[in-house]
Amino acid sequence: MIHPPSFWQNPEAKWLPFVLSPIAAVVSAWADNRQAKKGWKAPIPVLCCGNITTGGTGKTTVVLDLVKRLQNRKIAVHALIRGYGGKVKVTTRVDPALHTISDVGDESLLLATHCPTWVGGDRVASARAAINAGAQCLIMDDGFQNPGLHKDVSLLSVDGIVGLGNGHVLPAGPLRERAQRALARASAVLLIGPDRTGFLARYKRELAACGPVLRAALQPDRADIAALKDTPCVAFAGLGRPSKFFEGLSEAGVMLSQSLAFPDHYFYKARDLERLITLAEQDGAQLVTTPKDAVRLPASFRSRVQVVGVGLKWDDEMEPERLLDRLFSSGTTR
């Protein structure tokens, strides 16, 4: 599994960030120049769920939570996503019965089981297609740095375990753009999990200039956890940070005999599946994985695996509702 360089998560690291700072300055300037462009303003509300770091922050889980809330309001919400890892590059509506992960990527297939989902690098083209198909609201999974489509509300997700790393822009650090610029552009910031890096204190001044800071935690589905009671399990996951999934299972009381981490968006091979079966049989254990990983498994293998969904537990359940109220309110400026 490929890991990001350790100095990305070390605010005390000086030498390598300094050496890489000229390149980081170019990346930062390029990102700033992109944001100077004005995006197309859709005739319906657009909500962007993004981040400013490489790797997973849980934003797809955030998207699914907000999709459900919008559907509870009887709003026809469509999702827009680039389709990372897929070969389909033109605007396409995802059909889980037709498309595979090699076509549209795993996150697209997962989203498509919850709401109409469009992949493609041109966000404006995807937005127009969704509107023509009856969308009343658009939700973007990622795209915070993409200026092509105007966002009415932008929710910036931050993983509380890793925060913003050393605070430097790529390749000197994990940031896609300067934190000050990104936080100033956010309508709200969602800190997921405990603030182990001191993010709130470190960026107190920048956060004061943006919208509210919301708090939530990732929580395994209770029914899925109950089905694993008193059962030894072999957990596996290919995510930005698989350890979050494993820790969540353990904290929920699942007996993990082993846990195997794979790279994010990993295409499972026959030898991987054979290894998983062998490990489960040796331990007399149940195989367990995430919904995002499940869509990457062959249908013939899924019956062997218990899928444990992961949702959000908000500190204040009314905060996401207020965010959606803002999305649909007149006079929204971001």
Protein backbone atom coordinates (compact mmCIF):
# COMPACT_ATOMS: atom_id res chain seq x y z
CA MET A 1 0.00 0.00 0.00
CA ILE A 2 1.35 3.44 -0.96
CA HIS A 3 1.50 5.89 1.94
CA PRO A 4 1.92 9.67 1.73
CA PRO A 5 5.30 10.91 2.98
CA SER A 6 5.43 11.13 6.77
CA PHE A 7 6.56 14.77 6.77
CA TRP A 8 3.17 15.76 5.35
CA GLN A 9 1.69 15.06 8.77
CA ASN A 10 4.51 16.62 10.78
CA PRO A 11 4.13 20.38 11.40
CA GLU A 12 7.65 20.37 12.87
CA ALA A 13 9.20 19.15 9.61
CA LYS A 14 11.20 22.00 8.07
CA TRP A 15 13.83 20.74 5.63
CA LEU A 16 11.77 18.86 3.02
CA PRO A 17 8.92 21.42 2.95
CA PHE A 18 11.56 24.13 2.47
CA VAL A 19 13.24 22.26 -0.39
CA LEU A 20 9.88 21.69 -2.08
CA SER A 21 8.53 25.19 -1.39
CA PRO A 22 9.31 26.60 -4.89
CA ILE A 23 7.14 23.91 -6.49
CA ALA A 24 4.49 24.39 -3.81
CA ALA A 25 4.44 28.11 -4.61
CA VAL A 26 3.73 27.34 -8.26
CA VAL A 27 0.93 24.93 -7.33
CA SER A 28 -0.53 27.49 -4.94
CA ALA A 29 -0.43 30.27 -7.55
CA TRP A 30 -2.05 27.99 -10.13
CA ALA A 31 -4.83 27.13 -7.66
CA ASP A 32 -5.37 30.82 -6.86
CA ASN A 33 -5.55 31.72 -10.55
CA ARG A 34 -8.15 29.00 -11.19
CA GLN A 35 -10.41 30.46 -8.53
CA ALA A 36 -10.32 33.85 -10.24
CA LYS A 37 -12.57 32.41 -12.95
CA LYS A 38 -16.33 32.75 -12.56
CA GLY A 39 -18.30 29.55 -12.90
CA TRP A 40 -21.59 28.91 -14.65
CA LYS A 41 -24.56 29.71 -12.39
CA ALA A 42 -27.09 26.88 -12.57
CA PRO A 43 -30.81 27.70 -12.32
CA ILE A 44 -31.10 25.29 -9.37
CA PRO A 45 -29.20 25.13 -6.05
CA VAL A 46 -25.72 23.60 -6.09
CA LEU A 47 -24.13 22.15 -2.95
CA CYS A 48 -20.46 21.16 -3.02
CA CYS A 49 -18.99 18.68 -0.53
CA GLY A 50 -15.23 18.89 -0.86
CA ASN A 51 -11.91 18.98 0.93
CA ILE A 52 -8.50 20.56 0.53
CA THR A 53 -6.26 17.61 1.33
CA THR A 54 -5.26 14.56 -0.66
CA GLY A 55 -6.65 11.27 0.59
CA GLY A 56 -10.01 10.48 2.13
CA THR A 57 -11.80 12.73 4.59
CA GLY A 58 -15.17 10.96 4.54
CA LYS A 59 -16.79 13.39 2.11
CA THR A 60 -18.70 10.67 0.22
CA THR A 61 -20.30 9.69 3.54
CA VAL A 62 -21.22 13.36 3.96
CA VAL A 63 -22.73 13.43 0.47
CA LEU A 64 -24.86 10.35 1.20
CA ASP A 65 -26.09 11.87 4.46
CA LEU A 66 -27.13 15.11 2.77
CA VAL A 67 -28.69 13.25 -0.18
CA LYS A 68 -30.94 11.40 2.26
CA ARG A 69 -31.92 14.64 3.97
CA LEU A 70 -32.75 16.27 0.64
CA GLN A 71 -34.81 13.26 -0.39
CA ASN A 72 -36.67 13.46 2.92
CA ARG A 73 -37.63 16.98 1.82
CA LYS A 74 -39.01 15.49 -1.43
CA ILE A 75 -36.33 17.23 -3.48
CA ALA A 76 -35.04 15.53 -6.63
CA VAL A 77 -31.31 15.66 -5.95
CA HIS A 78 -28.73 14.51 -8.50
CA ALA A 79 -25.04 13.91 -7.71
CA LEU A 80 -22.13 15.11 -9.83
CA ILE A 81 -18.78 13.35 -9.56
CA ARG A 82 -15.64 13.13 -11.69
CA GLY A 83 -15.57 9.33 -11.56
CA TYR A 84 -12.05 8.77 -10.28
CA GLY A 85 -10.45 5.65 -11.74
CA GLY A 86 -13.08 5.21 -14.45
CA LYS A 87 -12.47 5.28 -18.18
CA VAL A 88 -15.71 7.16 -18.96
CA LYS A 89 -14.71 10.81 -19.37
CA VAL A 90 -17.74 12.31 -21.11
CA THR A 91 -20.90 13.24 -19.23
CA THR A 92 -22.73 10.01 -18.46
CA ARG A 93 -25.53 9.01 -16.10
CA VAL A 94 -24.33 6.07 -14.03
CA ASP A 95 -26.31 2.86 -14.41
CA PRO A 96 -25.29 0.26 -11.77
CA ALA A 97 -26.79 -2.47 -13.93
CA LEU A 98 -24.66 -1.45 -16.91
CA HIS A 99 -21.51 0.25 -15.67
CA THR A 100 -18.57 -1.26 -13.78
CA ILE A 101 -15.93 0.32 -11.58
CA SER A 102 -13.54 0.33 -14.53
CA ASP A 103 -16.13 2.46 -16.36
CA VAL A 104 -17.10 5.02 -13.72
CA GLY A 105 -15.17 4.31 -10.50
CA ASP A 106 -16.34 2.94 -7.17
CA GLU A 107 -17.71 6.11 -5.57
CA SER A 108 -19.92 6.78 -8.60
CA LEU A 109 -21.45 3.31 -8.42
CA LEU A 110 -22.07 3.70 -4.69
CA LEU A 111 -23.74 7.10 -5.13
CA ALA A 112 -25.86 5.79 -8.00
CA THR A 113 -27.54 3.31 -5.64
CA HIS A 114 -28.87 6.29 -3.66
CA CYS A 115 -29.65 8.99 -6.23
CA PRO A 116 -29.21 9.79 -9.95
CA THR A 117 -25.48 10.26 -10.46
CA TRP A 118 -23.53 11.83 -13.31
CA VAL A 119 -19.84 11.32 -14.05
CA GLY A 120 -17.59 13.39 -16.27
CA GLY A 121 -14.76 15.87 -16.09
CA ASP A 122 -16.93 18.76 -17.33
CA ARG A 123 -19.04 19.69 -14.30
CA VAL A 124 -21.09 22.20 -16.27
CA ALA A 125 -22.02 19.60 -18.89
CA SER A 126 -22.96 17.18 -16.10
CA ALA A 127 -25.04 19.87 -14.40
CA ARG A 128 -26.91 20.70 -17.60
CA ALA A 129 -27.61 17.02 -18.24
CA ALA A 130 -28.91 16.53 -14.70
CA ILE A 131 -31.16 19.58 -14.97
CA ASN A 132 -32.57 18.32 -18.28
CA ALA A 133 -33.26 15.00 -16.53
CA GLY A 134 -35.35 16.69 -13.83
CA ALA A 135 -32.88 17.56 -11.08
CA GLN A 136 -34.12 20.14 -8.57
CA CYS A 137 -30.83 20.31 -6.71
CA LEU A 138 -27.23 19.30 -7.47
CA ILE A 139 -24.74 17.92 -4.98
CA MET A 140 -21.07 17.69 -5.92
CA ASP A 141 -18.86 14.96 -4.49
CA ASP A 142 -15.54 16.82 -4.55
CA GLY A 143 -14.96 19.69 -6.95
CA PHE A 144 -14.22 22.36 -4.34
CA GLN A 145 -11.18 23.42 -6.38
CA ASN A 146 -13.04 23.24 -9.71
CA PRO A 147 -14.28 26.74 -10.66
CA GLY A 148 -16.36 25.67 -13.67
CA LEU A 149 -19.66 25.41 -11.79
CA HIS A 150 -20.80 28.06 -9.32
CA LYS A 151 -21.51 26.65 -5.86
CA ASP A 152 -24.30 28.17 -3.80
CA VAL A 153 -23.03 26.43 -0.66
CA SER A 154 -19.65 24.74 -0.14
CA LEU A 155 -19.13 22.38 2.78
CA LEU A 156 -15.46 21.67 3.45
CA SER A 157 -14.76 18.35 5.22
CA VAL A 158 -11.70 17.93 7.46
CA ASP A 159 -10.61 14.63 9.01
CA GLY A 160 -10.06 15.38 12.68
CA ILE A 161 -7.45 12.65 13.00
CA VAL A 162 -5.04 14.16 10.47
CA GLY A 163 -6.33 17.73 10.16
CA LEU A 164 -4.56 19.67 7.43
CA GLY A 165 -1.26 17.90 8.00
CA ASN A 166 1.77 20.18 8.06
CA GLY A 167 -0.25 22.98 6.46
CA HIS A 168 1.80 23.16 3.25
CA VAL A 169 0.60 22.94 -0.35
CA LEU A 170 1.57 20.01 -2.59
CA PRO A 171 4.22 18.64 -2.84
CA ALA A 172 5.54 20.23 0.37
CA GLY A 173 2.41 19.05 2.17
CA PRO A 174 -1.00 17.45 1.56
CA LEU A 175 -2.97 20.60 0.67
CA ARG A 176 -4.42 21.19 -2.78
CA GLU A 177 -4.45 24.94 -2.14
CA ARG A 178 -3.62 27.39 0.65
CA ALA A 179 -5.69 26.79 3.78
CA GLN A 180 -6.42 30.50 4.22
CA ARG A 181 -7.82 30.80 0.70
CA ALA A 182 -9.89 27.61 0.96
CA LEU A 183 -11.38 28.33 4.39
CA ALA A 184 -12.34 31.85 3.32
CA ARG A 185 -14.26 30.36 0.39
CA ALA A 186 -16.12 27.74 2.45
CA SER A 187 -19.72 28.27 3.50
CA ALA A 188 -19.13 25.90 6.42
CA VAL A 189 -16.46 23.51 7.68
CA LEU A 190 -17.27 20.01 8.92
CA LEU A 191 -14.72 18.50 11.31
CA ILE A 192 -15.18 14.73 11.30
CA GLY A 193 -13.98 12.90 14.41
CA PRO A 194 -11.90 14.14 17.35
CA ASP A 195 -9.64 17.14 16.78
CA ARG A 196 -6.37 15.31 17.42
CA THR A 197 -4.13 17.76 15.55
CA GLY A 198 -5.44 20.96 17.12
CA PHE A 199 -7.01 22.06 13.84
CA LEU A 200 -9.53 24.37 15.53
CA ALA A 201 -6.86 26.21 17.51
CA ARG A 202 -4.27 26.27 14.73
CA TYR A 203 -6.68 27.80 12.20
CA LYS A 204 -8.76 29.86 14.62
CA ARG A 205 -8.19 33.11 12.72
CA GLU A 206 -8.95 31.59 9.30
CA LEU A 207 -12.05 29.81 10.62
CA ALA A 208 -13.38 33.08 11.99
CA ALA A 209 -13.54 34.36 8.41
CA CYS A 210 -15.63 31.47 7.07
CA GLY A 211 -19.02 29.99 7.90
CA PRO A 212 -19.85 27.87 10.96
CA VAL A 213 -17.73 24.92 12.06
CA LEU A 214 -19.86 21.78 12.32
CA ARG A 215 -18.87 18.59 14.14
CA ALA A 216 -19.72 14.97 13.38
CA ALA A 217 -18.32 11.47 13.81
CA LEU A 218 -18.31 8.42 11.56
CA GLN A 219 -20.54 5.69 12.97
CA PRO A 220 -20.98 2.11 11.73
CA ASP A 221 -24.56 1.09 10.99
CA ARG A 222 -26.09 -0.39 14.15
CA ALA A 223 -28.05 -3.12 12.37
CA ASP A 224 -24.95 -4.23 10.47
CA ILE A 225 -22.95 -4.30 13.71
CA ALA A 226 -25.67 -6.28 15.50
CA ALA A 227 -25.47 -8.95 12.78
CA LEU A 228 -21.82 -9.51 13.73
CA LYS A 229 -22.38 -9.97 17.47
CA ASP A 230 -20.08 -12.63 18.98
CA THR A 231 -18.63 -13.37 15.53
CA PRO A 232 -14.88 -13.18 14.85
CA CYS A 233 -14.27 -11.05 11.77
CA VAL A 234 -11.60 -10.41 9.16
CA ALA A 235 -12.07 -6.82 8.01
CA PHE A 236 -10.64 -5.40 4.80
CA ALA A 237 -10.93 -2.02 3.14
CA GLY A 238 -9.36 0.05 0.38
CA LEU A 239 -9.95 3.65 1.47
CA GLY A 240 -8.01 6.84 1.95
CA ARG A 241 -7.56 5.84 5.59
CA PRO A 242 -8.71 2.23 6.14
CA SER A 243 -7.75 2.48 9.80
CA LYS A 244 -10.81 4.67 10.39
CA PHE A 245 -13.06 1.79 9.35
CA PHE A 246 -11.18 -0.76 11.45
CA GLU A 247 -11.17 1.51 14.51
CA GLY A 248 -14.89 2.13 14.11
CA LEU A 249 -15.59 -1.59 14.05
CA SER A 250 -13.50 -2.21 17.16
CA GLU A 251 -15.10 0.67 19.04
CA ALA A 252 -18.52 -0.73 18.13
CA GLY A 253 -17.60 -4.06 19.73
CA VAL A 254 -16.80 -6.12 16.64
CA MET A 255 -14.25 -8.89 17.33
CA LEU A 256 -11.54 -8.38 14.71
CA SER A 257 -9.17 -11.29 14.30
CA GLN A 258 -7.39 -9.50 11.46
CA SER A 259 -7.67 -6.33 9.39
CA LEU A 260 -6.21 -5.83 5.92
CA ALA A 261 -5.67 -2.40 4.37
CA PHE A 262 -5.60 -1.88 0.61
CA PRO A 263 -4.96 1.31 -1.40
CA ASP A 264 -7.84 3.69 -2.04
CA HIS A 265 -9.97 2.72 -5.08
CA TYR A 266 -8.15 -0.62 -5.22
CA PHE A 267 -9.22 -3.15 -7.86
CA TYR A 268 -9.34 -6.47 -6.01
CA LYS A 269 -7.62 -9.29 -7.84
CA ALA A 270 -8.35 -13.02 -7.74
CA ARG A 271 -5.32 -13.64 -5.52
CA ASP A 272 -6.58 -11.04 -3.03
CA LEU A 273 -9.96 -12.75 -2.80
CA GLU A 274 -8.33 -16.15 -2.37
CA ARG A 275 -6.18 -14.77 0.43
CA LEU A 276 -9.20 -13.27 2.18
CA ILE A 277 -11.09 -16.55 1.98
CA THR A 278 -8.09 -18.43 3.38
CA LEU A 279 -7.68 -16.03 6.30
CA ALA A 280 -11.38 -16.17 7.14
CA GLU A 281 -11.40 -19.97 7.04
CA GLN A 282 -8.28 -20.19 9.21
CA ASP A 283 -9.84 -17.94 11.86
CA GLY A 284 -13.39 -19.26 11.49
CA ALA A 285 -14.27 -15.65 10.79
CA GLN A 286 -16.73 -13.56 8.80
CA LEU A 287 -15.34 -11.28 6.09
CA VAL A 288 -16.35 -7.65 6.62
CA THR A 289 -15.92 -4.59 4.39
CA THR A 290 -17.39 -1.20 3.44
CA PRO A 291 -20.11 -0.38 0.87
CA LYS A 292 -17.49 1.40 -1.23
CA ASP A 293 -15.36 -1.75 -1.31
CA ALA A 294 -18.36 -3.99 -1.93
CA VAL A 295 -19.05 -2.41 -5.32
CA ARG A 296 -15.48 -3.35 -6.31
CA LEU A 297 -16.01 -7.04 -5.56
CA PRO A 298 -17.24 -9.64 -8.06
CA ALA A 299 -20.92 -10.46 -7.54
CA SER A 300 -19.98 -14.09 -6.88
CA PHE A 301 -17.79 -13.01 -3.95
CA ARG A 302 -20.15 -10.52 -2.29
CA SER A 303 -22.29 -13.28 -0.74
CA ARG A 304 -19.27 -14.22 1.38
CA VAL A 305 -18.92 -10.71 2.80
CA GLN A 306 -20.87 -8.78 5.42
CA VAL A 307 -21.06 -5.13 4.39
CA VAL A 308 -21.05 -2.62 7.24
CA GLY A 309 -22.36 0.78 6.30
CA VAL A 310 -20.89 3.92 7.84
CA GLY A 311 -22.95 7.02 8.52
CA LEU A 312 -22.54 10.38 10.22
CA LYS A 313 -23.54 11.19 13.77
CA TRP A 314 -23.79 14.97 13.98
CA ASP A 315 -23.09 16.71 17.28
CA ASP A 316 -26.10 18.90 16.48
CA GLU A 317 -28.61 17.17 14.19
CA MET A 318 -30.09 20.53 13.21
CA GLU A 319 -26.83 21.87 11.77
CA PRO A 320 -27.06 19.98 8.45
CA GLU A 321 -30.71 20.99 8.19
CA ARG A 322 -29.78 24.64 8.66
CA LEU A 323 -27.13 24.22 5.99
CA LEU A 324 -29.78 22.94 3.57
CA ASP A 325 -32.11 25.77 4.58
CA ARG A 326 -29.36 28.15 3.58
CA LEU A 327 -28.95 26.34 0.26
CA PHE A 328 -32.57 27.02 -0.65
CA SER A 329 -32.88 30.47 0.91
CA SER A 330 -33.06 33.52 -1.29
CA GLY A 331 -29.98 35.71 -1.29
CA THR A 332 -27.51 32.83 -0.92
CA THR A 333 -24.14 34.22 -1.95
CA ARG A 334 -21.81 31.22 -1.80
